[in-house]
Amino acid sequence: MDCVLKTYGLTKKYKKHLAVNDAEMTICRGDIYGFVGENGSGKTTIIRLITGLIFANEGRFELFGTPNDSKDITLARRKVGAVVESPSIYRNMSAYDNLKMQCIILGLPADQRIADVLNEVGLGDLIGDKKHAGDFSLGMRQRLGIAMALIGEPEFLILDEPMNGLDPAGIVEIRELILKLNRERNITFLISSHILSELSLVATKYGIISKGHIIKEITAAELQKELAKTTDIMVDNPEKLVDVIGSILPAEVISYIPDGVRIVGEIDLNKVLATIIDAGIRIISVNCHESSFEDYYLETIGGKKA
């Protein structure tokens, strides 16, 4: 699969502070890459490095296969749209005029494309409206910022905390827009956020960063396997339970705990419990648990022990 972005040992220092530390990340075409980490972990710094707003002290990256030190990196960046930290909009101008200004900056014709983009992000009712962007709701400003990033028809869209501060309805709107652009236009996304529950509804791959270092990359499918469901069954006769459980479930999903068993994965719980009861074993308690992305994240960064 084609790599849109690949970094190699990317490092950024501010005097004695190591903001990004030997960061390695891979984003492939079509990914929705959820970039997660605590405040100050280095997410925005990496985004600034990729977009050319700042430069690395060490390491390198490739954008659409073009090395960052190549003279062609400017051409590669033309395939990238970005909203870094907060949308760069002119608050005393209308949505249409903001996009017209963006077209002028990018050297693009200000034609039907503006109306198309406004419709695409759900702001079509603002075509011809002179209302200033400063009077928009936060969600509308976020969508306008995305529209400005889309005006150059990017293949790779970078959104830095796009859901930050939005109300639930605004979060849903941004989420649906991301999925639509990914599915219908095959736009690759890098989305930094600490709203993990929302990222889990869109991301196809995750990068977990802590203290400037990317400590884990994992696909959504791999994550689902890591978040396996566990069922603890406590009984009055654990010795007999070993044989009973072993007769109906594969050994690899069973582990033995004091006074019972732990079963990993999906099971027919009614069948398992009925088998235990039919064997004359009294069940004391049954506890089902499924780890969340938040649990996994905290355990990965060392904030919570398994």
C-alpha atoms as a PDB file:
ATOM      1  CA  MET A   1       0.000   0.000   0.000  1.00  0.00           C
ATOM      2  CA  ASP A   2       1.244   3.485  -0.910  1.00  0.00           C
ATOM      3  CA  CYS A   3       2.692   5.534   1.930  1.00  0.00           C
ATOM      4  CA  VAL A   4       1.365   9.056   2.224  1.00  0.00           C
ATOM      5  CA  LEU A   5       3.607   9.882   5.173  1.00  0.00           C
ATOM      6  CA  LYS A   6       6.558   8.068   6.719  1.00  0.00           C
ATOM      7  CA  THR A   7       8.812   9.537   9.389  1.00  0.00           C
ATOM      8  CA  TYR A   8      12.255   8.330  10.428  1.00  0.00           C
ATOM      9  CA  GLY A   9      13.625   9.292  13.840  1.00  0.00           C
ATOM     10  CA  LEU A  10      11.976  12.708  13.723  1.00  0.00           C
ATOM     11  CA  THR A  11      13.281  14.851  16.602  1.00  0.00           C
ATOM     12  CA  LYS A  12      12.586  18.433  17.643  1.00  0.00           C
ATOM     13  CA  LYS A  13      14.209  20.280  20.541  1.00  0.00           C
ATOM     14  CA  TYR A  14      13.410  23.674  22.030  1.00  0.00           C
ATOM     15  CA  LYS A  15      16.516  24.562  24.039  1.00  0.00           C
ATOM     16  CA  LYS A  16      16.594  21.786  26.673  1.00  0.00           C
ATOM     17  CA  HIS A  17      13.047  20.573  26.014  1.00  0.00           C
ATOM     18  CA  LEU A  18      12.714  17.513  23.770  1.00  0.00           C
ATOM     19  CA  ALA A  19       9.305  18.108  22.148  1.00  0.00           C
ATOM     20  CA  VAL A  20       9.545  15.224  19.669  1.00  0.00           C
ATOM     21  CA  ASN A  21      11.813  12.276  20.349  1.00  0.00           C
ATOM     22  CA  ASP A  22      12.829   9.839  17.591  1.00  0.00           C
ATOM     23  CA  ALA A  23       9.277   9.652  16.195  1.00  0.00           C
ATOM     24  CA  GLU A  24       8.498   6.912  13.685  1.00  0.00           C
ATOM     25  CA  MET A  25       5.072   6.839  12.024  1.00  0.00           C
ATOM     26  CA  THR A  26       3.565   5.392   8.859  1.00  0.00           C
ATOM     27  CA  ILE A  27       0.330   6.571   7.239  1.00  0.00           C
ATOM     28  CA  CYS A  28      -0.880   4.769   4.125  1.00  0.00           C
ATOM     29  CA  ARG A  29      -3.255   5.956   1.424  1.00  0.00           C
ATOM     30  CA  GLY A  30      -6.861   5.714   2.600  1.00  0.00           C
ATOM     31  CA  ASP A  31      -6.026   5.619   6.310  1.00  0.00           C
ATOM     32  CA  ILE A  32      -7.875   7.627   8.905  1.00  0.00           C
ATOM     33  CA  TYR A  33      -4.976   7.874  11.336  1.00  0.00           C
ATOM     34  CA  GLY A  34      -6.007   8.730  14.880  1.00  0.00           C
ATOM     35  CA  PHE A  35      -3.104  10.486  16.595  1.00  0.00           C
ATOM     36  CA  VAL A  36      -3.572  10.333  20.359  1.00  0.00           C
ATOM     37  CA  GLY A  37      -1.568  11.553  23.316  1.00  0.00           C
ATOM     38  CA  GLU A  38      -1.765  13.695  26.411  1.00  0.00           C
ATOM     39  CA  ASN A  39      -1.548  17.486  26.223  1.00  0.00           C
ATOM     40  CA  GLY A  40       2.052  18.450  25.465  1.00  0.00           C
ATOM     41  CA  SER A  41       2.897  14.983  24.126  1.00  0.00           C
ATOM     42  CA  GLY A  42       4.161  16.339  20.794  1.00  0.00           C
ATOM     43  CA  LYS A  43       1.169  15.850  18.477  1.00  0.00           C
ATOM     44  CA  THR A  44       0.968  19.425  17.226  1.00  0.00           C
ATOM     45  CA  THR A  45       4.760  19.715  16.970  1.00  0.00           C
ATOM     46  CA  ILE A  46       4.858  16.712  14.618  1.00  0.00           C
ATOM     47  CA  ILE A  47       2.057  18.221  12.547  1.00  0.00           C
ATOM     48  CA  ARG A  48       3.995  21.486  12.325  1.00  0.00           C
ATOM     49  CA  LEU A  49       7.089  19.575  11.201  1.00  0.00           C
ATOM     50  CA  ILE A  50       5.164  17.756   8.468  1.00  0.00           C
ATOM     51  CA  THR A  51       3.509  20.911   7.169  1.00  0.00           C
ATOM     52  CA  GLY A  52       6.786  22.849   7.100  1.00  0.00           C
ATOM     53  CA  LEU A  53       5.866  25.376   9.780  1.00  0.00           C
ATOM     54  CA  ILE A  54       8.958  24.346  11.759  1.00  0.00           C
ATOM     55  CA  PHE A  55      12.016  22.209  11.035  1.00  0.00           C
ATOM     56  CA  ALA A  56      13.444  19.133  12.753  1.00  0.00           C
ATOM     57  CA  ASN A  57      16.764  18.999  14.581  1.00  0.00           C
ATOM     58  CA  GLU A  58      17.218  15.352  13.617  1.00  0.00           C
ATOM     59  CA  GLY A  59      15.508  12.709  11.517  1.00  0.00           C
ATOM     60  CA  ARG A  60      13.547  13.002   8.299  1.00  0.00           C
ATOM     61  CA  PHE A  61      10.227  12.209   6.675  1.00  0.00           C
ATOM     62  CA  GLU A  62       8.772  11.382   3.291  1.00  0.00           C
ATOM     63  CA  LEU A  63       5.529  12.897   1.995  1.00  0.00           C
ATOM     64  CA  PHE A  64       4.019  10.927  -0.905  1.00  0.00           C
ATOM     65  CA  GLY A  65       7.449   9.336  -1.262  1.00  0.00           C
ATOM     66  CA  THR A  66       9.219  12.700  -1.507  1.00  0.00           C
ATOM     67  CA  PRO A  67      11.995  13.270   1.079  1.00  0.00           C
ATOM     68  CA  ASN A  68      11.545  16.405   3.176  1.00  0.00           C
ATOM     69  CA  ASP A  69      14.934  17.738   2.045  1.00  0.00           C
ATOM     70  CA  SER A  70      14.087  17.359  -1.652  1.00  0.00           C
ATOM     71  CA  LYS A  71      13.405  20.401  -3.815  1.00  0.00           C
ATOM     72  CA  ASP A  72      10.128  18.670  -4.777  1.00  0.00           C
ATOM     73  CA  ILE A  73       8.744  18.690  -1.224  1.00  0.00           C
ATOM     74  CA  THR A  74       6.800  21.885  -2.043  1.00  0.00           C
ATOM     75  CA  LEU A  75       5.001  20.006  -4.829  1.00  0.00           C
ATOM     76  CA  ALA A  76       4.205  17.134  -2.439  1.00  0.00           C
ATOM     77  CA  ARG A  77       2.796  19.589   0.099  1.00  0.00           C
ATOM     78  CA  ARG A  78       0.339  20.864  -2.513  1.00  0.00           C
ATOM     79  CA  LYS A  79      -1.450  17.536  -2.031  1.00  0.00           C
ATOM     80  CA  VAL A  80      -1.882  18.312   1.675  1.00  0.00           C
ATOM     81  CA  GLY A  81      -4.568  20.343   3.407  1.00  0.00           C
ATOM     82  CA  ALA A  82      -4.275  21.200   7.092  1.00  0.00           C
ATOM     83  CA  VAL A  83      -6.124  22.820   9.957  1.00  0.00           C
ATOM     84  CA  VAL A  84      -3.515  23.272  12.693  1.00  0.00           C
ATOM     85  CA  GLU A  85      -4.673  24.174  16.229  1.00  0.00           C
ATOM     86  CA  SER A  86      -7.526  26.468  15.120  1.00  0.00           C
ATOM     87  CA  PRO A  87      -8.946  27.348  11.681  1.00  0.00           C
ATOM     88  CA  SER A  88      -7.074  30.221  10.009  1.00  0.00           C
ATOM     89  CA  ILE A  89     -10.085  32.243   8.956  1.00  0.00           C
ATOM     90  CA  TYR A  90     -10.707  35.954   8.555  1.00  0.00           C
ATOM     91  CA  ARG A  91     -13.387  36.661  11.145  1.00  0.00           C
ATOM     92  CA  ASN A  92     -14.484  39.922   9.487  1.00  0.00           C
ATOM     93  CA  MET A  93     -15.183  38.214   6.159  1.00  0.00           C
ATOM     94  CA  SER A  94     -17.969  35.928   4.943  1.00  0.00           C
ATOM     95  CA  ALA A  95     -17.495  32.224   4.343  1.00  0.00           C
ATOM     96  CA  TYR A  96     -17.453  32.785   0.571  1.00  0.00           C
ATOM     97  CA  ASP A  97     -14.902  35.590   0.823  1.00  0.00           C
ATOM     98  CA  ASN A  98     -12.682  33.510   3.105  1.00  0.00           C
ATOM     99  CA  LEU A  99     -12.601  30.777   0.480  1.00  0.00           C
ATOM    100  CA  LYS A 100     -12.053  33.308  -2.302  1.00  0.00           C
ATOM    101  CA  MET A 101      -9.038  34.657  -0.421  1.00  0.00           C
ATOM    102  CA  GLN A 102      -7.725  31.104  -0.003  1.00  0.00           C
ATOM    103  CA  CYS A 103      -8.076  30.569  -3.755  1.00  0.00           C
ATOM    104  CA  ILE A 104      -6.054  33.746  -4.407  1.00  0.00           C
ATOM    105  CA  ILE A 105      -3.313  32.583  -2.000  1.00  0.00           C
ATOM    106  CA  LEU A 106      -3.139  29.167  -3.706  1.00  0.00           C
ATOM    107  CA  GLY A 107      -3.362  30.619  -7.211  1.00  0.00           C
ATOM    108  CA  LEU A 108      -6.646  28.864  -7.935  1.00  0.00           C
ATOM    109  CA  PRO A 109      -9.623  30.182  -9.897  1.00  0.00           C
ATOM    110  CA  ALA A 110     -12.390  31.357  -7.567  1.00  0.00           C
ATOM    111  CA  ASP A 111     -15.310  29.798  -9.404  1.00  0.00           C
ATOM    112  CA  GLN A 112     -17.898  27.072  -8.824  1.00  0.00           C
ATOM    113  CA  ARG A 113     -15.328  25.258  -6.681  1.00  0.00           C
ATOM    114  CA  ILE A 114     -16.162  27.540  -3.718  1.00  0.00           C
ATOM    115  CA  ALA A 115     -19.856  26.702  -3.845  1.00  0.00           C
ATOM    116  CA  ASP A 116     -19.040  22.993  -4.230  1.00  0.00           C
ATOM    117  CA  VAL A 117     -16.773  22.996  -1.166  1.00  0.00           C
ATOM    118  CA  LEU A 118     -19.288  24.910   0.969  1.00  0.00           C
ATOM    119  CA  ASN A 119     -21.940  22.354   0.055  1.00  0.00           C
ATOM    120  CA  GLU A 120     -19.510  19.520   0.761  1.00  0.00           C
ATOM    121  CA  VAL A 121     -18.906  20.638   4.348  1.00  0.00           C
ATOM    122  CA  GLY A 122     -22.559  21.394   5.023  1.00  0.00           C
ATOM    123  CA  LEU A 123     -22.355  25.189   4.713  1.00  0.00           C
ATOM    124  CA  GLY A 124     -24.190  25.532   1.422  1.00  0.00           C
ATOM    125  CA  ASP A 125     -26.747  27.857   2.996  1.00  0.00           C
ATOM    126  CA  LEU A 126     -23.957  30.439   3.417  1.00  0.00           C
ATOM    127  CA  ILE A 127     -23.431  30.840  -0.343  1.00  0.00           C
ATOM    128  CA  GLY A 128     -24.235  34.489  -0.988  1.00  0.00           C
ATOM    129  CA  ASP A 129     -24.624  35.190   2.744  1.00  0.00           C
ATOM    130  CA  LYS A 130     -22.541  38.166   3.930  1.00  0.00           C
ATOM    131  CA  LYS A 131     -22.562  37.093   7.585  1.00  0.00           C
ATOM    132  CA  HIS A 132     -19.060  37.413   9.041  1.00  0.00           C
ATOM    133  CA  ALA A 133     -17.206  34.265  10.129  1.00  0.00           C
ATOM    134  CA  GLY A 134     -16.690  35.850  13.555  1.00  0.00           C
ATOM    135  CA  ASP A 135     -20.442  35.475  14.109  1.00  0.00           C
ATOM    136  CA  PHE A 136     -20.431  31.754  13.266  1.00  0.00           C
ATOM    137  CA  SER A 137     -20.807  29.031  15.871  1.00  0.00           C
ATOM    138  CA  LEU A 138     -17.639  27.108  16.753  1.00  0.00           C
ATOM    139  CA  GLY A 139     -18.852  24.139  14.712  1.00  0.00           C
ATOM    140  CA  MET A 140     -19.444  26.333  11.658  1.00  0.00           C
ATOM    141  CA  ARG A 141     -15.956  27.841  11.985  1.00  0.00           C
ATOM    142  CA  GLN A 142     -14.474  24.345  12.206  1.00  0.00           C
ATOM    143  CA  ARG A 143     -16.301  23.308   9.037  1.00  0.00           C
ATOM    144  CA  LEU A 144     -15.211  26.503   7.289  1.00  0.00           C
ATOM    145  CA  GLY A 145     -11.623  25.744   8.293  1.00  0.00           C
ATOM    146  CA  ILE A 146     -11.964  22.280   6.745  1.00  0.00           C
ATOM    147  CA  ALA A 147     -13.495  23.859   3.626  1.00  0.00           C
ATOM    148  CA  MET A 148     -10.442  26.113   3.301  1.00  0.00           C
ATOM    149  CA  ALA A 149      -8.183  23.064   3.624  1.00  0.00           C
ATOM    150  CA  LEU A 150     -10.238  21.268   0.958  1.00  0.00           C
ATOM    151  CA  ILE A 151     -10.263  24.084  -1.601  1.00  0.00           C
ATOM    152  CA  GLY A 152      -6.976  22.881  -3.128  1.00  0.00           C
ATOM    153  CA  GLU A 153      -8.393  19.350  -3.536  1.00  0.00           C
ATOM    154  CA  PRO A 154      -5.892  17.657  -1.189  1.00  0.00           C
ATOM    155  CA  GLU A 155      -5.230  13.930  -1.066  1.00  0.00           C
ATOM    156  CA  PHE A 156      -4.086  14.132   2.565  1.00  0.00           C
ATOM    157  CA  LEU A 157      -5.952  16.167   5.177  1.00  0.00           C
ATOM    158  CA  ILE A 158      -4.418  16.963   8.582  1.00  0.00           C
ATOM    159  CA  LEU A 159      -6.820  18.037  11.335  1.00  0.00           C
ATOM    160  CA  ASP A 160      -5.433  19.103  14.696  1.00  0.00           C
ATOM    161  CA  GLU A 161      -8.074  18.623  17.429  1.00  0.00           C
ATOM    162  CA  PRO A 162     -11.031  19.183  15.049  1.00  0.00           C
ATOM    163  CA  MET A 163     -13.626  18.243  17.689  1.00  0.00           C
ATOM    164  CA  ASN A 164     -12.163  20.277  20.547  1.00  0.00           C
ATOM    165  CA  GLY A 165     -14.795  22.473  22.208  1.00  0.00           C
ATOM    166  CA  LEU A 166     -17.677  21.312  20.016  1.00  0.00           C
ATOM    167  CA  ASP A 167     -21.067  20.355  21.383  1.00  0.00           C
ATOM    168  CA  PRO A 168     -22.326  16.783  20.749  1.00  0.00           C
ATOM    169  CA  ALA A 169     -24.159  17.784  17.549  1.00  0.00           C
ATOM    170  CA  GLY A 170     -21.048  19.526  16.207  1.00  0.00           C
ATOM    171  CA  ILE A 171     -18.904  16.478  16.974  1.00  0.00           C
ATOM    172  CA  VAL A 172     -21.292  14.239  15.034  1.00  0.00           C
ATOM    173  CA  GLU A 173     -21.231  16.637  12.058  1.00  0.00           C
ATOM    174  CA  ILE A 174     -17.422  16.675  11.901  1.00  0.00           C
ATOM    175  CA  ARG A 175     -17.270  12.891  12.318  1.00  0.00           C
ATOM    176  CA  GLU A 176     -19.728  12.311   9.466  1.00  0.00           C
ATOM    177  CA  LEU A 177     -17.847  14.769   7.255  1.00  0.00           C
ATOM    178  CA  ILE A 178     -14.547  12.938   7.833  1.00  0.00           C
ATOM    179  CA  LEU A 179     -16.106   9.571   6.975  1.00  0.00           C
ATOM    180  CA  LYS A 180     -17.787  10.997   3.873  1.00  0.00           C
ATOM    181  CA  LEU A 181     -14.562  12.543   2.535  1.00  0.00           C
ATOM    182  CA  ASN A 182     -12.628   9.357   3.219  1.00  0.00           C
ATOM    183  CA  ARG A 183     -15.167   7.051   1.586  1.00  0.00           C
ATOM    184  CA  GLU A 184     -16.270   9.177  -1.348  1.00  0.00           C
ATOM    185  CA  ARG A 185     -13.018  10.966  -2.211  1.00  0.00           C
ATOM    186  CA  ASN A 186     -10.476   8.555  -0.708  1.00  0.00           C
ATOM    187  CA  ILE A 187      -8.872  11.375   1.270  1.00  0.00           C
ATOM    188  CA  THR A 188      -6.293  10.155   3.774  1.00  0.00           C
ATOM    189  CA  PHE A 189      -6.555  11.724   7.231  1.00  0.00           C
ATOM    190  CA  LEU A 190      -4.258  12.455  10.145  1.00  0.00           C
ATOM    191  CA  ILE A 191      -6.462  13.488  13.063  1.00  0.00           C
ATOM    192  CA  SER A 192      -5.004  14.462  16.407  1.00  0.00           C
ATOM    193  CA  SER A 193      -7.435  14.316  19.300  1.00  0.00           C
ATOM    194  CA  HIS A 194      -7.795  13.368  22.929  1.00  0.00           C
ATOM    195  CA  ILE A 195     -11.499  12.558  22.564  1.00  0.00           C
ATOM    196  CA  LEU A 196     -10.717   8.854  22.299  1.00  0.00           C
ATOM    197  CA  SER A 197     -14.326   7.674  22.138  1.00  0.00           C
ATOM    198  CA  GLU A 198     -14.898   9.800  19.032  1.00  0.00           C
ATOM    199  CA  LEU A 199     -11.677   8.737  17.331  1.00  0.00           C
ATOM    200  CA  SER A 200     -12.670   5.106  17.796  1.00  0.00           C
ATOM    201  CA  LEU A 201     -15.727   5.747  15.588  1.00  0.00           C
ATOM    202  CA  VAL A 202     -13.668   6.893  12.578  1.00  0.00           C
ATOM    203  CA  ALA A 203     -10.033   5.774  12.828  1.00  0.00           C
ATOM    204  CA  THR A 204      -8.669   2.849  10.835  1.00  0.00           C
ATOM    205  CA  LYS A 205      -5.246   3.121  12.467  1.00  0.00           C
ATOM    206  CA  TYR A 206      -3.858   4.736  15.624  1.00  0.00           C
ATOM    207  CA  GLY A 207      -0.576   6.263  16.674  1.00  0.00           C
ATOM    208  CA  ILE A 208      -0.097   6.669  20.431  1.00  0.00           C
ATOM    209  CA  ILE A 209       2.427   9.315  21.462  1.00  0.00           C
ATOM    210  CA  SER A 210       3.748  10.127  24.922  1.00  0.00           C
ATOM    211  CA  LYS A 211       6.495  12.556  25.895  1.00  0.00           C
ATOM    212  CA  GLY A 212       7.372  13.154  22.259  1.00  0.00           C
ATOM    213  CA  HIS A 213       7.831   9.489  21.361  1.00  0.00           C
ATOM    214  CA  ILE A 214       5.393   7.390  19.326  1.00  0.00           C
ATOM    215  CA  ILE A 215       5.202   4.299  21.493  1.00  0.00           C
ATOM    216  CA  LYS A 216       2.620   2.330  19.539  1.00  0.00           C
ATOM    217  CA  GLU A 217       1.013   2.106  16.113  1.00  0.00           C
ATOM    218  CA  ILE A 218      -1.935  -0.254  15.776  1.00  0.00           C
ATOM    219  CA  THR A 219      -4.734  -0.787  13.260  1.00  0.00           C
ATOM    220  CA  ALA A 220      -8.369  -0.643  14.321  1.00  0.00           C
ATOM    221  CA  ALA A 221      -8.697  -4.377  13.591  1.00  0.00           C
ATOM    222  CA  GLU A 222      -5.663  -5.180  15.755  1.00  0.00           C
ATOM    223  CA  LEU A 223      -7.032  -2.972  18.515  1.00  0.00           C
ATOM    224  CA  GLN A 224     -10.329  -4.860  18.549  1.00  0.00           C
ATOM    225  CA  LYS A 225      -8.406  -8.072  19.190  1.00  0.00           C
ATOM    226  CA  GLU A 226      -6.507  -6.383  22.024  1.00  0.00           C
ATOM    227  CA  LEU A 227      -9.801  -5.241  23.562  1.00  0.00           C
ATOM    228  CA  ALA A 228     -11.031  -8.786  23.993  1.00  0.00           C
ATOM    229  CA  LYS A 229     -13.965  -9.509  26.262  1.00  0.00           C
ATOM    230  CA  THR A 230     -13.182 -11.457  29.445  1.00  0.00           C
ATOM    231  CA  THR A 231     -15.571 -13.469  31.603  1.00  0.00           C
ATOM    232  CA  ASP A 232     -14.636 -14.461  35.169  1.00  0.00           C
ATOM    233  CA  ILE A 233     -16.653 -17.315  36.649  1.00  0.00           C
ATOM    234  CA  MET A 234     -16.229 -18.010  40.374  1.00  0.00           C
ATOM    235  CA  VAL A 235     -17.488 -21.319  41.799  1.00  0.00           C
ATOM    236  CA  ASP A 236     -17.505 -23.386  44.992  1.00  0.00           C
ATOM    237  CA  ASN A 237     -15.503 -26.234  43.426  1.00  0.00           C
ATOM    238  CA  PRO A 238     -12.713 -24.829  41.232  1.00  0.00           C
ATOM    239  CA  GLU A 239     -10.915 -28.186  40.999  1.00  0.00           C
ATOM    240  CA  LYS A 240     -13.901 -29.822  39.304  1.00  0.00           C
ATOM    241  CA  LEU A 241     -14.486 -26.722  37.177  1.00  0.00           C
ATOM    242  CA  VAL A 242     -11.122 -27.198  35.440  1.00  0.00           C
ATOM    243  CA  ASP A 243     -12.266 -30.435  33.808  1.00  0.00           C
ATOM    244  CA  VAL A 244     -15.748 -29.170  32.978  1.00  0.00           C
ATOM    245  CA  ILE A 245     -14.591 -25.961  31.257  1.00  0.00           C
ATOM    246  CA  GLY A 246     -11.769 -27.799  29.505  1.00  0.00           C
ATOM    247  CA  SER A 247     -14.289 -30.143  27.920  1.00  0.00           C
ATOM    248  CA  ILE A 248     -16.267 -27.381  26.162  1.00  0.00           C
ATOM    249  CA  LEU A 249     -13.757 -24.594  25.437  1.00  0.00           C
ATOM    250  CA  PRO A 250     -10.301 -24.544  23.796  1.00  0.00           C
ATOM    251  CA  ALA A 251      -7.404 -24.344  26.232  1.00  0.00           C
ATOM    252  CA  GLU A 252      -6.016 -21.130  24.725  1.00  0.00           C
ATOM    253  CA  VAL A 253      -9.022 -19.049  25.857  1.00  0.00           C
ATOM    254  CA  ILE A 254      -8.962 -20.321  29.442  1.00  0.00           C
ATOM    255  CA  SER A 255      -6.819 -19.170  32.355  1.00  0.00           C
ATOM    256  CA  TYR A 256      -7.286 -20.254  35.921  1.00  0.00           C
ATOM    257  CA  ILE A 257      -7.717 -17.753  38.728  1.00  0.00           C
ATOM    258  CA  PRO A 258      -8.355 -18.264  42.444  1.00  0.00           C
ATOM    259  CA  ASP A 259     -11.761 -19.945  42.899  1.00  0.00           C
ATOM    260  CA  GLY A 260     -12.593 -19.961  39.192  1.00  0.00           C
ATOM    261  CA  VAL A 261     -11.663 -19.376  35.566  1.00  0.00           C
ATOM    262  CA  ARG A 262     -11.162 -16.439  33.214  1.00  0.00           C
ATOM    263  CA  ILE A 263     -12.373 -16.923  29.652  1.00  0.00           C
ATOM    264  CA  VAL A 264     -11.113 -14.579  26.919  1.00  0.00           C
ATOM    265  CA  GLY A 265     -13.260 -13.783  23.866  1.00  0.00           C
ATOM    266  CA  GLU A 266     -16.863 -14.200  22.809  1.00  0.00           C
ATOM    267  CA  ILE A 267     -18.631 -17.252  24.246  1.00  0.00           C
ATOM    268  CA  ASP A 268     -22.133 -18.665  24.530  1.00  0.00           C
ATOM    269  CA  LEU A 269     -22.419 -17.738  28.196  1.00  0.00           C
ATOM    270  CA  ASN A 270     -25.765 -19.469  28.692  1.00  0.00           C
ATOM    271  CA  LYS A 271     -24.329 -22.727  27.389  1.00  0.00           C
ATOM    272  CA  VAL A 272     -21.213 -22.437  29.574  1.00  0.00           C
ATOM    273  CA  LEU A 273     -23.214 -21.693  32.722  1.00  0.00           C
ATOM    274  CA  ALA A 274     -25.708 -24.480  32.007  1.00  0.00           C
ATOM    275  CA  THR A 275     -22.834 -26.960  31.589  1.00  0.00           C
ATOM    276  CA  ILE A 276     -21.323 -25.888  34.926  1.00  0.00           C
ATOM    277  CA  ILE A 277     -24.673 -26.199  36.730  1.00  0.00           C
ATOM    278  CA  ASP A 278     -25.388 -29.614  35.123  1.00  0.00           C
ATOM    279  CA  ALA A 279     -22.024 -30.790  36.491  1.00  0.00           C
ATOM    280  CA  GLY A 280     -23.274 -30.030  40.009  1.00  0.00           C
ATOM    281  CA  ILE A 281     -20.997 -27.027  40.543  1.00  0.00           C
ATOM    282  CA  ARG A 282     -22.486 -24.028  42.337  1.00  0.00           C
ATOM    283  CA  ILE A 283     -21.757 -20.678  40.664  1.00  0.00           C
ATOM    284  CA  ILE A 284     -20.822 -17.910  43.108  1.00  0.00           C
ATOM    285  CA  SER A 285     -20.404 -15.024  40.673  1.00  0.00           C
ATOM    286  CA  VAL A 286     -20.040 -14.138  36.989  1.00  0.00           C
ATOM    287  CA  ASN A 287     -18.246 -10.962  35.922  1.00  0.00           C
ATOM    288  CA  CYS A 288     -18.041  -9.900  32.254  1.00  0.00           C
ATOM    289  CA  HIS A 289     -15.650  -7.115  31.246  1.00  0.00           C
ATOM    290  CA  GLU A 290     -14.650  -5.553  27.944  1.00  0.00           C
ATOM    291  CA  SER A 291     -11.727  -3.127  27.864  1.00  0.00           C
ATOM    292  CA  SER A 292     -12.258   0.278  26.280  1.00  0.00           C
ATOM    293  CA  PHE A 293      -9.892   2.218  24.052  1.00  0.00           C
ATOM    294  CA  GLU A 294      -9.305   4.524  27.044  1.00  0.00           C
ATOM    295  CA  ASP A 295      -8.207   1.514  29.132  1.00  0.00           C
ATOM    296  CA  TYR A 296      -5.842   0.387  26.380  1.00  0.00           C
ATOM    297  CA  TYR A 297      -4.432   3.877  25.893  1.00  0.00           C
ATOM    298  CA  LEU A 298      -3.750   4.415  29.604  1.00  0.00           C
ATOM    299  CA  GLU A 299      -2.134   1.008  29.926  1.00  0.00           C
ATOM    300  CA  THR A 300       0.029   1.672  26.854  1.00  0.00           C
ATOM    301  CA  ILE A 301       1.382   5.001  28.139  1.00  0.00           C
ATOM    302  CA  GLY A 302       1.894   3.533  31.602  1.00  0.00           C
ATOM    303  CA  GLY A 303      -0.973   5.381  33.262  1.00  0.00           C
ATOM    304  CA  LYS A 304      -2.770   2.217  34.289  1.00  0.00           C
ATOM    305  CA  LYS A 305      -1.615  -1.258  35.069  1.00  0.00           C
ATOM    306  CA  ALA A 306      -3.336  -4.317  33.674  1.00  0.00           C
END
